[in-house]
Amino acid sequence: MSWAWEYDPSEDHVAGGAPPALIAEVEKKADELVRAAAALYLDGPAHQGPSPRGENVLVPGGMFFCQVVPRHERVYLLQITAW
């Protein structure tokens, strides 16, 4: 397995109705978060202890809430909010 991001529970549920420009910004930032998590958790599946807390991430045009789960080697995008 290798680090990646994904919408949870689905892209339609999380990103449905969000402007395409916002979705592009969210996905670009999610790529950055994946690279950072991969560098921080070198052996994700062997991670001991709790996962980091979820966080709100600001991007142009809105924000999103995500959760890093080292044992899954995933950054889960849970909610997108446009403004």
PDB file of N, CA and C in Angstrom:
ATOM      1  N   MET A   1       0.850  -1.178   0.000  1.00  0.00           N
ATOM      2  CA  MET A   1       0.000   0.000   0.000  1.00  0.00           C
ATOM      3  C   MET A   1       0.895   1.240   0.000  1.00  0.00           C
ATOM      4  N   SER A   2       0.434   2.294  -0.602  1.00  0.00           N
ATOM      5  CA  SER A   2       1.175   3.549  -0.571  1.00  0.00           C
ATOM      6  C   SER A   2       0.208   4.691  -0.245  1.00  0.00           C
ATOM      7  N   TRP A   3       0.763   5.769   0.238  1.00  0.00           N
ATOM      8  CA  TRP A   3      -0.044   6.908   0.670  1.00  0.00           C
ATOM      9  C   TRP A   3      -0.861   7.492  -0.475  1.00  0.00           C
ATOM     10  N   ALA A   4      -2.093   7.858  -0.158  1.00  0.00           N
ATOM     11  CA  ALA A   4      -3.007   8.487  -1.118  1.00  0.00           C
ATOM     12  C   ALA A   4      -4.079   9.224  -0.325  1.00  0.00           C
ATOM     13  N   TRP A   5      -4.913   9.965  -1.019  1.00  0.00           N
ATOM     14  CA  TRP A   5      -6.070  10.584  -0.384  1.00  0.00           C
ATOM     15  C   TRP A   5      -7.309  10.047  -1.073  1.00  0.00           C
ATOM     16  N   GLU A   6      -8.427  10.124  -0.360  1.00  0.00           N
ATOM     17  CA  GLU A   6      -9.699   9.733  -0.966  1.00  0.00           C
ATOM     18  C   GLU A   6     -10.848  10.425  -0.245  1.00  0.00           C
ATOM     19  N   TYR A   7     -11.957  10.530  -0.958  1.00  0.00           N
ATOM     20  CA  TYR A   7     -13.176  11.080  -0.369  1.00  0.00           C
ATOM     21  C   TYR A   7     -13.829  10.000   0.484  1.00  0.00           C
ATOM     22  N   ASP A   8     -14.350  10.400   1.647  1.00  0.00           N
ATOM     23  CA  ASP A   8     -15.021   9.440   2.515  1.00  0.00           C
ATOM     24  C   ASP A   8     -16.338  10.041   2.992  1.00  0.00           C
ATOM     25  N   PRO A   9     -17.492   9.483   2.676  1.00  0.00           N
ATOM     26  CA  PRO A   9     -17.690   8.143   2.150  1.00  0.00           C
ATOM     27  C   PRO A   9     -17.616   8.049   0.623  1.00  0.00           C
ATOM     28  N   SER A  10     -17.855   9.155  -0.099  1.00  0.00           N
ATOM     29  CA  SER A  10     -17.773   9.122  -1.559  1.00  0.00           C
ATOM     30  C   SER A  10     -17.529  10.537  -2.069  1.00  0.00           C
ATOM     31  N   GLU A  11     -17.045  10.629  -3.294  1.00  0.00           N
ATOM     32  CA  GLU A  11     -16.810  11.944  -3.894  1.00  0.00           C
ATOM     33  C   GLU A  11     -18.103  12.729  -4.009  1.00  0.00           C
ATOM     34  N   ASP A  12     -19.181  12.086  -4.411  1.00  0.00           N
ATOM     35  CA  ASP A  12     -20.458  12.779  -4.564  1.00  0.00           C
ATOM     36  C   ASP A  12     -20.954  13.328  -3.228  1.00  0.00           C
ATOM     37  N   HIS A  13     -20.803  12.548  -2.177  1.00  0.00           N
ATOM     38  CA  HIS A  13     -21.260  12.984  -0.854  1.00  0.00           C
ATOM     39  C   HIS A  13     -20.431  14.169  -0.339  1.00  0.00           C
ATOM     40  N   VAL A  14     -19.120  14.121  -0.518  1.00  0.00           N
ATOM     41  CA  VAL A  14     -18.226  15.145   0.034  1.00  0.00           C
ATOM     42  C   VAL A  14     -18.145  16.376  -0.863  1.00  0.00           C
ATOM     43  N   ALA A  15     -18.000  16.178  -2.165  1.00  0.00           N
ATOM     44  CA  ALA A  15     -17.738  17.289  -3.078  1.00  0.00           C
ATOM     45  C   ALA A  15     -18.942  17.683  -3.924  1.00  0.00           C
ATOM     46  N   GLY A  16     -20.020  16.927  -3.853  1.00  0.00           N
ATOM     47  CA  GLY A  16     -21.185  17.212  -4.683  1.00  0.00           C
ATOM     48  C   GLY A  16     -21.683  18.631  -4.504  1.00  0.00           C
ATOM     49  N   GLY A  17     -21.791  19.369  -5.600  1.00  0.00           N
ATOM     50  CA  GLY A  17     -22.291  20.727  -5.567  1.00  0.00           C
ATOM     51  C   GLY A  17     -21.229  21.786  -5.348  1.00  0.00           C
ATOM     52  N   ALA A  18     -20.014  21.403  -4.986  1.00  0.00           N
ATOM     53  CA  ALA A  18     -18.939  22.383  -4.797  1.00  0.00           C
ATOM     54  C   ALA A  18     -18.454  22.872  -6.160  1.00  0.00           C
ATOM     55  N   PRO A  19     -18.080  24.143  -6.248  1.00  0.00           N
ATOM     56  CA  PRO A  19     -17.578  24.670  -7.524  1.00  0.00           C
ATOM     57  C   PRO A  19     -16.318  23.920  -7.978  1.00  0.00           C
ATOM     58  N   PRO A  20     -16.177  23.687  -9.277  1.00  0.00           N
ATOM     59  CA  PRO A  20     -15.003  22.961  -9.784  1.00  0.00           C
ATOM     60  C   PRO A  20     -13.672  23.601  -9.389  1.00  0.00           C
ATOM     61  N   ALA A  21     -13.618  24.937  -9.328  1.00  0.00           N
ATOM     62  CA  ALA A  21     -12.371  25.599  -8.933  1.00  0.00           C
ATOM     63  C   ALA A  21     -12.007  25.259  -7.486  1.00  0.00           C
ATOM     64  N   LEU A  22     -12.996  25.171  -6.625  1.00  0.00           N
ATOM     65  CA  LEU A  22     -12.746  24.806  -5.226  1.00  0.00           C
ATOM     66  C   LEU A  22     -12.284  23.356  -5.131  1.00  0.00           C
ATOM     67  N   ILE A  23     -12.923  22.481  -5.852  1.00  0.00           N
ATOM     68  CA  ILE A  23     -12.527  21.071  -5.836  1.00  0.00           C
ATOM     69  C   ILE A  23     -11.077  20.924  -6.299  1.00  0.00           C
ATOM     70  N   ALA A  24     -10.687  21.678  -7.321  1.00  0.00           N
ATOM     71  CA  ALA A  24      -9.301  21.623  -7.798  1.00  0.00           C
ATOM     72  C   ALA A  24      -8.328  22.071  -6.710  1.00  0.00           C
ATOM     73  N   GLU A  25      -8.674  23.126  -5.974  1.00  0.00           N
ATOM     74  CA  GLU A  25      -7.820  23.600  -4.877  1.00  0.00           C
ATOM     75  C   GLU A  25      -7.747  22.568  -3.754  1.00  0.00           C
ATOM     76  N   VAL A  26      -8.867  21.964  -3.426  1.00  0.00           N
ATOM     77  CA  VAL A  26      -8.904  20.939  -2.376  1.00  0.00           C
ATOM     78  C   VAL A  26      -8.018  19.762  -2.771  1.00  0.00           C
ATOM     79  N   GLU A  27      -8.131  19.297  -3.989  1.00  0.00           N
ATOM     80  CA  GLU A  27      -7.361  18.141  -4.427  1.00  0.00           C
ATOM     81  C   GLU A  27      -5.871  18.459  -4.497  1.00  0.00           C
ATOM     82  N   LYS A  28      -5.531  19.680  -4.876  1.00  0.00           N
ATOM     83  CA  LYS A  28      -4.128  20.092  -4.899  1.00  0.00           C
ATOM     84  C   LYS A  28      -3.554  20.081  -3.476  1.00  0.00           C
ATOM     85  N   LYS A  29      -4.299  20.621  -2.524  1.00  0.00           N
ATOM     86  CA  LYS A  29      -3.849  20.642  -1.132  1.00  0.00           C
ATOM     87  C   LYS A  29      -3.814  19.227  -0.552  1.00  0.00           C
ATOM     88  N   ALA A  30      -4.759  18.381  -0.933  1.00  0.00           N
ATOM     89  CA  ALA A  30      -4.760  16.993  -0.470  1.00  0.00           C
ATOM     90  C   ALA A  30      -3.493  16.272  -0.936  1.00  0.00           C
ATOM     91  N   ASP A  31      -3.044  16.555  -2.157  1.00  0.00           N
ATOM     92  CA  ASP A  31      -1.790  15.970  -2.645  1.00  0.00           C
ATOM     93  C   ASP A  31      -0.619  16.383  -1.753  1.00  0.00           C
ATOM     94  N   GLU A  32      -0.595  17.661  -1.339  1.00  0.00           N
ATOM     95  CA  GLU A  32       0.460  18.137  -0.441  1.00  0.00           C
ATOM     96  C   GLU A  32       0.398  17.429   0.910  1.00  0.00           C
ATOM     97  N   LEU A  33      -0.806  17.260   1.436  1.00  0.00           N
ATOM     98  CA  LEU A  33      -0.971  16.585   2.724  1.00  0.00           C
ATOM     99  C   LEU A  33      -0.513  15.129   2.655  1.00  0.00           C
ATOM    100  N   VAL A  34      -0.750  14.475   1.540  1.00  0.00           N
ATOM    101  CA  VAL A  34      -0.303  13.091   1.359  1.00  0.00           C
ATOM    102  C   VAL A  34       1.221  13.029   1.392  1.00  0.00           C
ATOM    103  N   ARG A  35       1.880  13.950   0.697  1.00  0.00           N
ATOM    104  CA  ARG A  35       3.345  13.950   0.700  1.00  0.00           C
ATOM    105  C   ARG A  35       3.891  14.196   2.110  1.00  0.00           C
ATOM    106  N   ALA A  36       3.260  15.104   2.844  1.00  0.00           N
ATOM    107  CA  ALA A  36       3.700  15.395   4.211  1.00  0.00           C
ATOM    108  C   ALA A  36       3.483  14.190   5.128  1.00  0.00           C
ATOM    109  N   ALA A  37       2.344  13.547   5.013  1.00  0.00           N
ATOM    110  CA  ALA A  37       2.052  12.380   5.855  1.00  0.00           C
ATOM    111  C   ALA A  37       3.005  11.232   5.548  1.00  0.00           C
ATOM    112  N   ALA A  38       3.315  11.032   4.274  1.00  0.00           N
ATOM    113  CA  ALA A  38       4.240   9.959   3.899  1.00  0.00           C
ATOM    114  C   ALA A  38       5.624  10.206   4.492  1.00  0.00           C
ATOM    115  N   ALA A  39       6.039  11.465   4.552  1.00  0.00           N
ATOM    116  CA  ALA A  39       7.338  11.795   5.133  1.00  0.00           C
ATOM    117  C   ALA A  39       7.321  11.659   6.659  1.00  0.00           C
ATOM    118  N   LEU A  40       6.208  11.968   7.282  1.00  0.00           N
ATOM    119  CA  LEU A  40       6.099  11.925   8.736  1.00  0.00           C
ATOM    120  C   LEU A  40       5.892  10.502   9.262  1.00  0.00           C
ATOM    121  N   TYR A  41       5.107   9.709   8.552  1.00  0.00           N
ATOM    122  CA  TYR A  41       4.794   8.335   8.971  1.00  0.00           C
ATOM    123  C   TYR A  41       5.412   7.374   7.966  1.00  0.00           C
ATOM    124  N   LEU A  42       6.707   7.137   8.109  1.00  0.00           N
ATOM    125  CA  LEU A  42       7.441   6.334   7.129  1.00  0.00           C
ATOM    126  C   LEU A  42       6.941   4.905   7.017  1.00  0.00           C
ATOM    127  N   ASP A  43       6.467   4.344   8.107  1.00  0.00           N
ATOM    128  CA  ASP A  43       5.908   2.995   8.081  1.00  0.00           C
ATOM    129  C   ASP A  43       4.490   3.055   8.646  1.00  0.00           C
ATOM    130  N   GLY A  44       3.605   3.636   7.862  1.00  0.00           N
ATOM    131  CA  GLY A  44       2.232   3.871   8.300  1.00  0.00           C
ATOM    132  C   GLY A  44       1.514   2.671   8.880  1.00  0.00           C
ATOM    133  N   PRO A  45       1.523   1.509   8.217  1.00  0.00           N
ATOM    134  CA  PRO A  45       0.786   0.358   8.755  1.00  0.00           C
ATOM    135  C   PRO A  45       1.275  -0.091  10.133  1.00  0.00           C
ATOM    136  N   ALA A  46       2.510   0.220  10.484  1.00  0.00           N
ATOM    137  CA  ALA A  46       3.045  -0.177  11.781  1.00  0.00           C
ATOM    138  C   ALA A  46       2.860   0.919  12.838  1.00  0.00           C
ATOM    139  N   HIS A  47       2.195   1.989  12.489  1.00  0.00           N
ATOM    140  CA  HIS A  47       1.999   3.109  13.418  1.00  0.00           C
ATOM    141  C   HIS A  47       1.293   2.636  14.677  1.00  0.00           C
ATOM    142  N   GLN A  48       1.823   3.033  15.818  1.00  0.00           N
ATOM    143  CA  GLN A  48       1.233   2.707  17.106  1.00  0.00           C
ATOM    144  C   GLN A  48       0.608   3.963  17.689  1.00  0.00           C
ATOM    145  N   GLY A  49      -0.451   3.800  18.424  1.00  0.00           N
ATOM    146  CA  GLY A  49      -1.090   4.943  19.045  1.00  0.00           C
ATOM    147  C   GLY A  49      -2.218   5.491  18.191  1.00  0.00           C
ATOM    148  N   PRO A  50      -2.831   6.562  18.682  1.00  0.00           N
ATOM    149  CA  PRO A  50      -3.978   7.124  17.960  1.00  0.00           C
ATOM    150  C   PRO A  50      -3.560   7.843  16.676  1.00  0.00           C
ATOM    151  N   SER A  51      -4.499   7.949  15.780  1.00  0.00           N
ATOM    152  CA  SER A  51      -4.278   8.745  14.574  1.00  0.00           C
ATOM    153  C   SER A  51      -4.323  10.220  14.955  1.00  0.00           C
ATOM    154  N   PRO A  52      -3.702  11.080  14.148  1.00  0.00           N
ATOM    155  CA  PRO A  52      -3.779  12.510  14.429  1.00  0.00           C
ATOM    156  C   PRO A  52      -5.236  12.979  14.390  1.00  0.00           C
ATOM    157  N   ARG A  53      -5.508  14.078  15.065  1.00  0.00           N
ATOM    158  CA  ARG A  53      -6.858  14.652  15.024  1.00  0.00           C
ATOM    159  C   ARG A  53      -7.168  15.159  13.623  1.00  0.00           C
ATOM    160  N   GLY A  54      -8.444  15.152  13.281  1.00  0.00           N
ATOM    161  CA  GLY A  54      -8.861  15.729  12.016  1.00  0.00           C
ATOM    162  C   GLY A  54      -8.584  17.222  12.034  1.00  0.00           C
ATOM    163  N   GLU A  55      -8.513  17.812  10.857  1.00  0.00           N
ATOM    164  CA  GLU A  55      -8.223  19.237  10.802  1.00  0.00           C
ATOM    165  C   GLU A  55      -8.971  19.924   9.672  1.00  0.00           C
ATOM    166  N   ASN A  56      -9.254  21.207   9.893  1.00  0.00           N
ATOM    167  CA  ASN A  56      -9.801  22.066   8.855  1.00  0.00           C
ATOM    168  C   ASN A  56      -8.643  22.675   8.089  1.00  0.00           C
ATOM    169  N   VAL A  57      -8.751  22.665   6.771  1.00  0.00           N
ATOM    170  CA  VAL A  57      -7.702  23.210   5.916  1.00  0.00           C
ATOM    171  C   VAL A  57      -8.332  24.274   5.026  1.00  0.00           C
ATOM    172  N   LEU A  58      -7.781  25.487   5.078  1.00  0.00           N
ATOM    173  CA  LEU A  58      -8.279  26.580   4.241  1.00  0.00           C
ATOM    174  C   LEU A  58      -7.635  26.527   2.872  1.00  0.00           C
ATOM    175  N   VAL A  59      -8.440  26.756   1.844  1.00  0.00           N
ATOM    176  CA  VAL A  59      -7.977  26.864   0.464  1.00  0.00           C
ATOM    177  C   VAL A  59      -8.729  28.027  -0.174  1.00  0.00           C
ATOM    178  N   PRO A  60      -8.230  28.561  -1.282  1.00  0.00           N
ATOM    179  CA  PRO A  60      -8.973  29.650  -1.930  1.00  0.00           C
ATOM    180  C   PRO A  60     -10.404  29.219  -2.268  1.00  0.00           C
ATOM    181  N   GLY A  61     -11.374  29.991  -1.802  1.00  0.00           N
ATOM    182  CA  GLY A  61     -12.771  29.712  -2.091  1.00  0.00           C
ATOM    183  C   GLY A  61     -13.497  28.867  -1.071  1.00  0.00           C
ATOM    184  N   GLY A  62     -12.788  28.393  -0.027  1.00  0.00           N
ATOM    185  CA  GLY A  62     -13.462  27.577   0.967  1.00  0.00           C
ATOM    186  C   GLY A  62     -12.497  26.853   1.876  1.00  0.00           C
ATOM    187  N   MET A  63     -12.961  25.725   2.366  1.00  0.00           N
ATOM    188  CA  MET A  63     -12.161  24.905   3.271  1.00  0.00           C
ATOM    189  C   MET A  63     -12.612  23.457   3.172  1.00  0.00           C
ATOM    190  N   PHE A  64     -11.809  22.574   3.759  1.00  0.00           N
ATOM    191  CA  PHE A  64     -12.223  21.183   3.847  1.00  0.00           C
ATOM    192  C   PHE A  64     -11.747  20.603   5.161  1.00  0.00           C
ATOM    193  N   PHE A  65     -12.433  19.561   5.603  1.00  0.00           N
ATOM    194  CA  PHE A  65     -12.073  18.837   6.816  1.00  0.00           C
ATOM    195  C   PHE A  65     -11.508  17.495   6.395  1.00  0.00           C
ATOM    196  N   CYS A  66     -10.356  17.131   6.970  1.00  0.00           N
ATOM    197  CA  CYS A  66      -9.729  15.863   6.606  1.00  0.00           C
ATOM    198  C   CYS A  66      -9.226  15.141   7.843  1.00  0.00           C
ATOM    199  N   GLN A  67      -8.961  13.861   7.665  1.00  0.00           N
ATOM    200  CA  GLN A  67      -8.435  13.009   8.731  1.00  0.00           C
ATOM    201  C   GLN A  67      -7.299  12.174   8.158  1.00  0.00           C
ATOM    202  N   VAL A  68      -6.138  12.216   8.799  1.00  0.00           N
ATOM    203  CA  VAL A  68      -5.004  11.382   8.411  1.00  0.00           C
ATOM    204  C   VAL A  68      -5.072  10.097   9.228  1.00  0.00           C
ATOM    205  N   VAL A  69      -5.003   8.956   8.540  1.00  0.00           N
ATOM    206  CA  VAL A  69      -5.013   7.657   9.225  1.00  0.00           C
ATOM    207  C   VAL A  69      -3.751   6.900   8.787  1.00  0.00           C
ATOM    208  N   PRO A  70      -2.687   6.999   9.600  1.00  0.00           N
ATOM    209  CA  PRO A  70      -1.412   6.383   9.207  1.00  0.00           C
ATOM    210  C   PRO A  70      -1.506   4.882   8.906  1.00  0.00           C
ATOM    211  N   ARG A  71      -2.269   4.122   9.695  1.00  0.00           N
ATOM    212  CA  ARG A  71      -2.343   2.676   9.462  1.00  0.00           C
ATOM    213  C   ARG A  71      -2.975   2.334   8.115  1.00  0.00           C
ATOM    214  N   HIS A  72      -3.793   3.220   7.587  1.00  0.00           N
ATOM    215  CA  HIS A  72      -4.389   3.018   6.259  1.00  0.00           C
ATOM    216  C   HIS A  72      -3.547   3.666   5.162  1.00  0.00           C
ATOM    217  N   GLU A  73      -2.578   4.490   5.562  1.00  0.00           N
ATOM    218  CA  GLU A  73      -1.801   5.320   4.638  1.00  0.00           C
ATOM    219  C   GLU A  73      -2.739   6.148   3.764  1.00  0.00           C
ATOM    220  N   ARG A  74      -3.678   6.817   4.425  1.00  0.00           N
ATOM    221  CA  ARG A  74      -4.686   7.620   3.728  1.00  0.00           C
ATOM    222  C   ARG A  74      -4.913   8.953   4.412  1.00  0.00           C
ATOM    223  N   VAL A  75      -5.221   9.930   3.578  1.00  0.00           N
ATOM    224  CA  VAL A  75      -5.776  11.199   4.028  1.00  0.00           C
ATOM    225  C   VAL A  75      -7.212  11.183   3.526  1.00  0.00           C
ATOM    226  N   TYR A  76      -8.152  11.123   4.450  1.00  0.00           N
ATOM    227  CA  TYR A  76      -9.564  11.070   4.082  1.00  0.00           C
ATOM    228  C   TYR A  76     -10.141  12.482   4.064  1.00  0.00           C
ATOM    229  N   LEU A  77     -10.759  12.854   2.944  1.00  0.00           N
ATOM    230  CA  LEU A  77     -11.450  14.135   2.823  1.00  0.00           C
ATOM    231  C   LEU A  77     -12.912  13.881   3.208  1.00  0.00           C
ATOM    232  N   LEU A  78     -13.362  14.552   4.259  1.00  0.00           N
ATOM    233  CA  LEU A  78     -14.670  14.252   4.834  1.00  0.00           C
ATOM    234  C   LEU A  78     -15.748  15.291   4.530  1.00  0.00           C
ATOM    235  N   GLN A  79     -15.349  16.560   4.335  1.00  0.00           N
ATOM    236  CA  GLN A  79     -16.343  17.609   4.077  1.00  0.00           C
ATOM    237  C   GLN A  79     -15.663  18.770   3.371  1.00  0.00           C
ATOM    238  N   ILE A  80     -16.359  19.338   2.402  1.00  0.00           N
ATOM    239  CA  ILE A  80     -15.894  20.547   1.705  1.00  0.00           C
ATOM    240  C   ILE A  80     -16.931  21.633   1.923  1.00  0.00           C
ATOM    241  N   THR A  81     -16.460  22.827   2.265  1.00  0.00           N
ATOM    242  CA  THR A  81     -17.343  23.968   2.481  1.00  0.00           C
ATOM    243  C   THR A  81     -16.886  25.114   1.589  1.00  0.00           C
ATOM    244  N   ALA A  82     -17.792  25.620   0.777  1.00  0.00           N
ATOM    245  CA  ALA A  82     -17.485  26.764  -0.090  1.00  0.00           C
ATOM    246  C   ALA A  82     -17.963  28.043   0.544  1.00  0.00           C
ATOM    247  N   TRP A  83     -17.281  29.147   0.237  1.00  0.00           N
ATOM    248  CA  TRP A  83     -17.782  30.459   0.644  1.00  0.00           C
ATOM    249  C   TRP A  83     -17.667  31.457  -0.439  1.00  0.00           C
TER     250      TRP A  83
END
